[in-house]
Amino acid sequence: MPNLDDVAKLCGVSRMTVSRVINNSGPVKEETRQKVLRAINQLNYVPNLYAKGMAGHSLRILSVIVPKNTSALCSR
């Protein structure tokens, strides 16, 4: 599975530039933007939303712990 670095290497730009294109933030020349988008399509790159959430401190995970033997809870 390709990552951000793979996209950056393929089109000869920095990770920050790739990030700016993906997030549509910050200044990026249109020619560079198109080059990055072509590299993303060529590599079939899909952003890792789990990593993005961790980096932005906006990850929300709910964990539930269930006992393995639930019959003991239901006995009379």
PDB file of N, CA and C in Angstrom:
ATOM      1  N   MET A   1       0.850  -1.174   0.000  1.00  0.00           N
ATOM      2  CA  MET A   1       0.000   0.000   0.000  1.00  0.00           C
ATOM      3  C   MET A   1       0.899   1.242   0.000  1.00  0.00           C
ATOM      4  N   PRO A   2       0.738   2.088  -0.999  1.00  0.00           N
ATOM      5  CA  PRO A   2       1.585   3.280  -1.088  1.00  0.00           C
ATOM      6  C   PRO A   2       1.281   4.291   0.019  1.00  0.00           C
ATOM      7  N   ASN A   3       2.296   5.054   0.389  1.00  0.00           N
ATOM      8  CA  ASN A   3       2.102   6.072   1.414  1.00  0.00           C
ATOM      9  C   ASN A   3       2.454   7.457   0.863  1.00  0.00           C
ATOM     10  N   LEU A   4       2.363   8.444   1.710  1.00  0.00           N
ATOM     11  CA  LEU A   4       2.621   9.832   1.329  1.00  0.00           C
ATOM     12  C   LEU A   4       4.020  10.008   0.741  1.00  0.00           C
ATOM     13  N   ASP A   5       4.997   9.333   1.320  1.00  0.00           N
ATOM     14  CA  ASP A   5       6.371   9.430   0.827  1.00  0.00           C
ATOM     15  C   ASP A   5       6.495   8.894  -0.599  1.00  0.00           C
ATOM     16  N   ASP A   6       5.781   7.819  -0.892  1.00  0.00           N
ATOM     17  CA  ASP A   6       5.818   7.239  -2.235  1.00  0.00           C
ATOM     18  C   ASP A   6       5.292   8.230  -3.268  1.00  0.00           C
ATOM     19  N   VAL A   7       4.205   8.900  -2.930  1.00  0.00           N
ATOM     20  CA  VAL A   7       3.630   9.907  -3.832  1.00  0.00           C
ATOM     21  C   VAL A   7       4.623  11.047  -4.032  1.00  0.00           C
ATOM     22  N   ALA A   8       5.217  11.516  -2.942  1.00  0.00           N
ATOM     23  CA  ALA A   8       6.179  12.623  -3.013  1.00  0.00           C
ATOM     24  C   ALA A   8       7.384  12.261  -3.878  1.00  0.00           C
ATOM     25  N   LYS A   9       7.905  11.039  -3.700  1.00  0.00           N
ATOM     26  CA  LYS A   9       9.071  10.606  -4.478  1.00  0.00           C
ATOM     27  C   LYS A   9       8.737  10.509  -5.958  1.00  0.00           C
ATOM     28  N   LEU A  10       7.568   9.972  -6.275  1.00  0.00           N
ATOM     29  CA  LEU A  10       7.194   9.771  -7.667  1.00  0.00           C
ATOM     30  C   LEU A  10       7.128  11.086  -8.438  1.00  0.00           C
ATOM     31  N   CYS A  11       6.625  12.130  -7.792  1.00  0.00           N
ATOM     32  CA  CYS A  11       6.499  13.393  -8.526  1.00  0.00           C
ATOM     33  C   CYS A  11       7.568  14.412  -8.143  1.00  0.00           C
ATOM     34  N   GLY A  12       8.508  14.046  -7.286  1.00  0.00           N
ATOM     35  CA  GLY A  12       9.642  14.914  -6.988  1.00  0.00           C
ATOM     36  C   GLY A  12       9.300  16.150  -6.177  1.00  0.00           C
ATOM     37  N   VAL A  13       8.398  15.989  -5.225  1.00  0.00           N
ATOM     38  CA  VAL A  13       8.021  17.109  -4.351  1.00  0.00           C
ATOM     39  C   VAL A  13       8.147  16.655  -2.899  1.00  0.00           C
ATOM     40  N   SER A  14       7.929  17.569  -1.985  1.00  0.00           N
ATOM     41  CA  SER A  14       8.021  17.231  -0.561  1.00  0.00           C
ATOM     42  C   SER A  14       6.719  16.604  -0.064  1.00  0.00           C
ATOM     43  N   ARG A  15       6.821  15.965   1.091  1.00  0.00           N
ATOM     44  CA  ARG A  15       5.627  15.394   1.740  1.00  0.00           C
ATOM     45  C   ARG A  15       4.618  16.505   2.033  1.00  0.00           C
ATOM     46  N   MET A  16       5.127  17.685   2.412  1.00  0.00           N
ATOM     47  CA  MET A  16       4.250  18.810   2.736  1.00  0.00           C
ATOM     48  C   MET A  16       3.425  19.220   1.520  1.00  0.00           C
ATOM     49  N   THR A  17       4.057  19.217   0.358  1.00  0.00           N
ATOM     50  CA  THR A  17       3.332  19.583  -0.863  1.00  0.00           C
ATOM     51  C   THR A  17       2.229  18.581  -1.147  1.00  0.00           C
ATOM     52  N   VAL A  18       2.529  17.299  -1.004  1.00  0.00           N
ATOM     53  CA  VAL A  18       1.508  16.265  -1.205  1.00  0.00           C
ATOM     54  C   VAL A  18       0.375  16.459  -0.206  1.00  0.00           C
ATOM     55  N   SER A  19       0.722  16.726   1.039  1.00  0.00           N
ATOM     56  CA  SER A  19      -0.277  16.959   2.081  1.00  0.00           C
ATOM     57  C   SER A  19      -1.163  18.158   1.738  1.00  0.00           C
ATOM     58  N   ARG A  20      -0.541  19.217   1.248  1.00  0.00           N
ATOM     59  CA  ARG A  20      -1.314  20.411   0.876  1.00  0.00           C
ATOM     60  C   ARG A  20      -2.301  20.115  -0.247  1.00  0.00           C
ATOM     61  N   VAL A  21      -1.880  19.297  -1.199  1.00  0.00           N
ATOM     62  CA  VAL A  21      -2.777  18.932  -2.300  1.00  0.00           C
ATOM     63  C   VAL A  21      -3.933  18.081  -1.774  1.00  0.00           C
ATOM     64  N   ILE A  22      -3.620  17.095  -0.961  1.00  0.00           N
ATOM     65  CA  ILE A  22      -4.651  16.198  -0.430  1.00  0.00           C
ATOM     66  C   ILE A  22      -5.662  16.965   0.424  1.00  0.00           C
ATOM     67  N   ASN A  23      -5.158  17.868   1.252  1.00  0.00           N
ATOM     68  CA  ASN A  23      -6.035  18.611   2.167  1.00  0.00           C
ATOM     69  C   ASN A  23      -6.555  19.920   1.574  1.00  0.00           C
ATOM     70  N   ASN A  24      -6.114  20.208   0.346  1.00  0.00           N
ATOM     71  CA  ASN A  24      -6.516  21.442  -0.327  1.00  0.00           C
ATOM     72  C   ASN A  24      -6.247  22.664   0.554  1.00  0.00           C
ATOM     73  N   SER A  25      -5.022  22.713   1.062  1.00  0.00           N
ATOM     74  CA  SER A  25      -4.635  23.818   1.942  1.00  0.00           C
ATOM     75  C   SER A  25      -3.255  24.319   1.558  1.00  0.00           C
ATOM     76  N   GLY A  26      -3.028  25.580   1.734  1.00  0.00           N
ATOM     77  CA  GLY A  26      -1.722  26.155   1.450  1.00  0.00           C
ATOM     78  C   GLY A  26      -1.488  26.355  -0.032  1.00  0.00           C
ATOM     79  N   PRO A  27      -0.488  27.156  -0.344  1.00  0.00           N
ATOM     80  CA  PRO A  27      -0.202  27.475  -1.741  1.00  0.00           C
ATOM     81  C   PRO A  27       0.523  26.342  -2.469  1.00  0.00           C
ATOM     82  N   VAL A  28      -0.034  25.933  -3.600  1.00  0.00           N
ATOM     83  CA  VAL A  28       0.597  24.942  -4.468  1.00  0.00           C
ATOM     84  C   VAL A  28       0.316  25.372  -5.904  1.00  0.00           C
ATOM     85  N   LYS A  29       1.364  25.430  -6.727  1.00  0.00           N
ATOM     86  CA  LYS A  29       1.170  25.785  -8.134  1.00  0.00           C
ATOM     87  C   LYS A  29       0.251  24.756  -8.786  1.00  0.00           C
ATOM     88  N   GLU A  30      -0.572  25.212  -9.711  1.00  0.00           N
ATOM     89  CA  GLU A  30      -1.531  24.323 -10.373  1.00  0.00           C
ATOM     90  C   GLU A  30      -0.826  23.180 -11.095  1.00  0.00           C
ATOM     91  N   GLU A  31       0.311  23.473 -11.732  1.00  0.00           N
ATOM     92  CA  GLU A  31       1.068  22.427 -12.422  1.00  0.00           C
ATOM     93  C   GLU A  31       1.519  21.346 -11.446  1.00  0.00           C
ATOM     94  N   THR A  32       1.986  21.765 -10.265  1.00  0.00           N
ATOM     95  CA  THR A  32       2.428  20.819  -9.236  1.00  0.00           C
ATOM     96  C   THR A  32       1.244  20.041  -8.695  1.00  0.00           C
ATOM     97  N   ARG A  33       0.141  20.721  -8.478  1.00  0.00           N
ATOM     98  CA  ARG A  33      -1.072  20.059  -7.986  1.00  0.00           C
ATOM     99  C   ARG A  33      -1.496  18.938  -8.935  1.00  0.00           C
ATOM    100  N   GLN A  34      -1.477  19.214 -10.220  1.00  0.00           N
ATOM    101  CA  GLN A  34      -1.863  18.210 -11.209  1.00  0.00           C
ATOM    102  C   GLN A  34      -0.878  17.037 -11.228  1.00  0.00           C
ATOM    103  N   LYS A  35       0.408  17.334 -11.060  1.00  0.00           N
ATOM    104  CA  LYS A  35       1.431  16.289 -11.013  1.00  0.00           C
ATOM    105  C   LYS A  35       1.193  15.365  -9.813  1.00  0.00           C
ATOM    106  N   VAL A  36       0.880  15.959  -8.659  1.00  0.00           N
ATOM    107  CA  VAL A  36       0.624  15.173  -7.445  1.00  0.00           C
ATOM    108  C   VAL A  36      -0.643  14.333  -7.621  1.00  0.00           C
ATOM    109  N   LEU A  37      -1.688  14.914  -8.178  1.00  0.00           N
ATOM    110  CA  LEU A  37      -2.940  14.175  -8.385  1.00  0.00           C
ATOM    111  C   LEU A  37      -2.735  12.999  -9.340  1.00  0.00           C
ATOM    112  N   ARG A  38      -1.907  13.188 -10.373  1.00  0.00           N
ATOM    113  CA  ARG A  38      -1.609  12.077 -11.289  1.00  0.00           C
ATOM    114  C   ARG A  38      -0.852  10.966 -10.557  1.00  0.00           C
ATOM    115  N   ALA A  39       0.099  11.344  -9.704  1.00  0.00           N
ATOM    116  CA  ALA A  39       0.862  10.354  -8.935  1.00  0.00           C
ATOM    117  C   ALA A  39      -0.061   9.600  -7.973  1.00  0.00           C
ATOM    118  N   ILE A  40      -0.983  10.303  -7.347  1.00  0.00           N
ATOM    119  CA  ILE A  40      -1.945   9.667  -6.438  1.00  0.00           C
ATOM    120  C   ILE A  40      -2.765   8.629  -7.192  1.00  0.00           C
ATOM    121  N   ASN A  41      -3.236   8.991  -8.373  1.00  0.00           N
ATOM    122  CA  ASN A  41      -4.021   8.055  -9.181  1.00  0.00           C
ATOM    123  C   ASN A  41      -3.180   6.887  -9.671  1.00  0.00           C
ATOM    124  N   GLN A  42      -1.958   7.169 -10.099  1.00  0.00           N
ATOM    125  CA  GLN A  42      -1.075   6.124 -10.612  1.00  0.00           C
ATOM    126  C   GLN A  42      -0.761   5.085  -9.544  1.00  0.00           C
ATOM    127  N   LEU A  43      -0.539   5.543  -8.320  1.00  0.00           N
ATOM    128  CA  LEU A  43      -0.190   4.635  -7.221  1.00  0.00           C
ATOM    129  C   LEU A  43      -1.415   4.067  -6.498  1.00  0.00           C
ATOM    130  N   ASN A  44      -2.592   4.566  -6.848  1.00  0.00           N
ATOM    131  CA  ASN A  44      -3.822   4.194  -6.120  1.00  0.00           C
ATOM    132  C   ASN A  44      -3.686   4.507  -4.632  1.00  0.00           C
ATOM    133  N   TYR A  45      -3.126   5.675  -4.342  1.00  0.00           N
ATOM    134  CA  TYR A  45      -2.913   6.108  -2.962  1.00  0.00           C
ATOM    135  C   TYR A  45      -4.243   6.478  -2.313  1.00  0.00           C
ATOM    136  N   VAL A  46      -4.444   5.984  -1.100  1.00  0.00           N
ATOM    137  CA  VAL A  46      -5.615   6.338  -0.301  1.00  0.00           C
ATOM    138  C   VAL A  46      -5.098   6.813   1.051  1.00  0.00           C
ATOM    139  N   PRO A  47      -5.469   8.042   1.466  1.00  0.00           N
ATOM    140  CA  PRO A  47      -4.993   8.538   2.760  1.00  0.00           C
ATOM    141  C   PRO A  47      -5.429   7.628   3.905  1.00  0.00           C
ATOM    142  N   ASN A  48      -4.560   7.465   4.879  1.00  0.00           N
ATOM    143  CA  ASN A  48      -4.854   6.673   6.061  1.00  0.00           C
ATOM    144  C   ASN A  48      -5.591   7.572   7.053  1.00  0.00           C
ATOM    145  N   LEU A  49      -6.895   7.389   7.172  1.00  0.00           N
ATOM    146  CA  LEU A  49      -7.702   8.258   8.028  1.00  0.00           C
ATOM    147  C   LEU A  49      -7.388   8.058   9.507  1.00  0.00           C
ATOM    148  N   TYR A  50      -6.954   6.847   9.876  1.00  0.00           N
ATOM    149  CA  TYR A  50      -6.565   6.586  11.261  1.00  0.00           C
ATOM    150  C   TYR A  50      -5.344   7.435  11.616  1.00  0.00           C
ATOM    151  N   ALA A  51      -4.345   7.440  10.741  1.00  0.00           N
ATOM    152  CA  ALA A  51      -3.133   8.233  10.986  1.00  0.00           C
ATOM    153  C   ALA A  51      -3.460   9.722  10.983  1.00  0.00           C
ATOM    154  N   LYS A  52      -4.324  10.132  10.086  1.00  0.00           N
ATOM    155  CA  LYS A  52      -4.706  11.539  10.019  1.00  0.00           C
ATOM    156  C   LYS A  52      -5.386  11.973  11.314  1.00  0.00           C
ATOM    157  N   GLY A  53      -6.246  11.124  11.848  1.00  0.00           N
ATOM    158  CA  GLY A  53      -6.932  11.437  13.105  1.00  0.00           C
ATOM    159  C   GLY A  53      -5.967  11.533  14.267  1.00  0.00           C
ATOM    160  N   MET A  54      -4.983  10.646  14.285  1.00  0.00           N
ATOM    161  CA  MET A  54      -3.993  10.678  15.368  1.00  0.00           C
ATOM    162  C   MET A  54      -3.147  11.939  15.276  1.00  0.00           C
ATOM    163  N   ALA A  55      -2.772  12.331  14.078  1.00  0.00           N
ATOM    164  CA  ALA A  55      -1.936  13.515  13.905  1.00  0.00           C
ATOM    165  C   ALA A  55      -2.681  14.778  14.290  1.00  0.00           C
ATOM    166  N   GLY A  56      -3.958  14.803  14.017  1.00  0.00           N
ATOM    167  CA  GLY A  56      -4.769  15.981  14.321  1.00  0.00           C
ATOM    168  C   GLY A  56      -5.414  15.937  15.693  1.00  0.00           C
ATOM    169  N   HIS A  57      -5.124  14.877  16.455  1.00  0.00           N
ATOM    170  CA  HIS A  57      -5.683  14.700  17.798  1.00  0.00           C
ATOM    171  C   HIS A  57      -7.214  14.723  17.781  1.00  0.00           C
ATOM    172  N   SER A  58      -7.800  14.243  16.681  1.00  0.00           N
ATOM    173  CA  SER A  58      -9.253  14.241  16.606  1.00  0.00           C
ATOM    174  C   SER A  58      -9.809  12.827  16.466  1.00  0.00           C
ATOM    175  N   LEU A  59      -9.007  11.841  16.796  1.00  0.00           N
ATOM    176  CA  LEU A  59      -9.424  10.462  16.682  1.00  0.00           C
ATOM    177  C   LEU A  59     -10.359  10.127  17.834  1.00  0.00           C
ATOM    178  N   ARG A  60     -11.502   9.567  17.505  1.00  0.00           N
ATOM    179  CA  ARG A  60     -12.472   9.189  18.545  1.00  0.00           C
ATOM    180  C   ARG A  60     -12.723   7.697  18.440  1.00  0.00           C
ATOM    181  N   ILE A  61     -12.290   6.964  19.455  1.00  0.00           N
ATOM    182  CA  ILE A  61     -12.447   5.515  19.463  1.00  0.00           C
ATOM    183  C   ILE A  61     -13.192   5.124  20.737  1.00  0.00           C
ATOM    184  N   LEU A  62     -14.155   4.262  20.588  1.00  0.00           N
ATOM    185  CA  LEU A  62     -14.889   3.731  21.723  1.00  0.00           C
ATOM    186  C   LEU A  62     -14.558   2.253  21.821  1.00  0.00           C
ATOM    187  N   SER A  63     -14.105   1.830  22.970  1.00  0.00           N
ATOM    188  CA  SER A  63     -13.785   0.418  23.180  1.00  0.00           C
ATOM    189  C   SER A  63     -14.806  -0.181  24.132  1.00  0.00           C
ATOM    190  N   VAL A  64     -15.183  -1.411  23.842  1.00  0.00           N
ATOM    191  CA  VAL A  64     -16.116  -2.134  24.697  1.00  0.00           C
ATOM    192  C   VAL A  64     -15.455  -3.449  25.072  1.00  0.00           C
ATOM    193  N   ILE A  65     -15.435  -3.754  26.367  1.00  0.00           N
ATOM    194  CA  ILE A  65     -14.847  -4.996  26.848  1.00  0.00           C
ATOM    195  C   ILE A  65     -15.991  -5.911  27.260  1.00  0.00           C
ATOM    196  N   VAL A  66     -16.015  -7.096  26.651  1.00  0.00           N
ATOM    197  CA  VAL A  66     -17.074  -8.066  26.923  1.00  0.00           C
ATOM    198  C   VAL A  66     -16.416  -9.317  27.493  1.00  0.00           C
ATOM    199  N   PRO A  67     -16.924  -9.821  28.611  1.00  0.00           N
ATOM    200  CA  PRO A  67     -16.354 -11.041  29.185  1.00  0.00           C
ATOM    201  C   PRO A  67     -16.484 -12.212  28.209  1.00  0.00           C
ATOM    202  N   LYS A  68     -15.487 -13.102  28.205  1.00  0.00           N
ATOM    203  CA  LYS A  68     -15.514 -14.234  27.299  1.00  0.00           C
ATOM    204  C   LYS A  68     -16.632 -15.200  27.663  1.00  0.00           C
ATOM    205  N   ASN A  69     -16.844 -15.420  28.934  1.00  0.00           N
ATOM    206  CA  ASN A  69     -17.873 -16.348  29.380  1.00  0.00           C
ATOM    207  C   ASN A  69     -19.050 -15.534  29.909  1.00  0.00           C
ATOM    208  N   THR A  70     -20.009 -15.242  29.057  1.00  0.00           N
ATOM    209  CA  THR A  70     -21.160 -14.433  29.477  1.00  0.00           C
ATOM    210  C   THR A  70     -22.252 -15.271  30.124  1.00  0.00           C
ATOM    211  N   SER A  71     -22.161 -16.614  30.068  1.00  0.00           N
ATOM    212  CA  SER A  71     -23.198 -17.458  30.665  1.00  0.00           C
ATOM    213  C   SER A  71     -23.213 -17.292  32.189  1.00  0.00           C
ATOM    214  N   ALA A  72     -22.073 -16.993  32.790  1.00  0.00           N
ATOM    215  CA  ALA A  72     -22.016 -16.797  34.246  1.00  0.00           C
ATOM    216  C   ALA A  72     -22.797 -15.564  34.642  1.00  0.00           C
ATOM    217  N   LEU A  73     -22.888 -14.584  33.781  1.00  0.00           N
ATOM    218  CA  LEU A  73     -23.629 -13.368  34.084  1.00  0.00           C
ATOM    219  C   LEU A  73     -25.144 -13.601  33.992  1.00  0.00           C
ATOM    220  N   CYS A  74     -25.558 -14.575  33.212  1.00  0.00           N
ATOM    221  CA  CYS A  74     -26.986 -14.804  32.977  1.00  0.00           C
ATOM    222  C   CYS A  74     -27.559 -15.926  33.840  1.00  0.00           C
ATOM    223  N   SER A  75     -26.734 -16.614  34.620  1.00  0.00           N
ATOM    224  CA  SER A  75     -27.256 -17.728  35.429  1.00  0.00           C
ATOM    225  C   SER A  75     -28.068 -17.220  36.605  1.00  0.00           C
ATOM    226  N   ARG A  76     -28.951 -18.082  37.087  1.00  0.00           N
ATOM    227  CA  ARG A  76     -29.854 -17.692  38.184  1.00  0.00           C
ATOM    228  C   ARG A  76     -29.281 -17.977  39.523  1.00  0.00           C
TER     229      ARG A  76
END
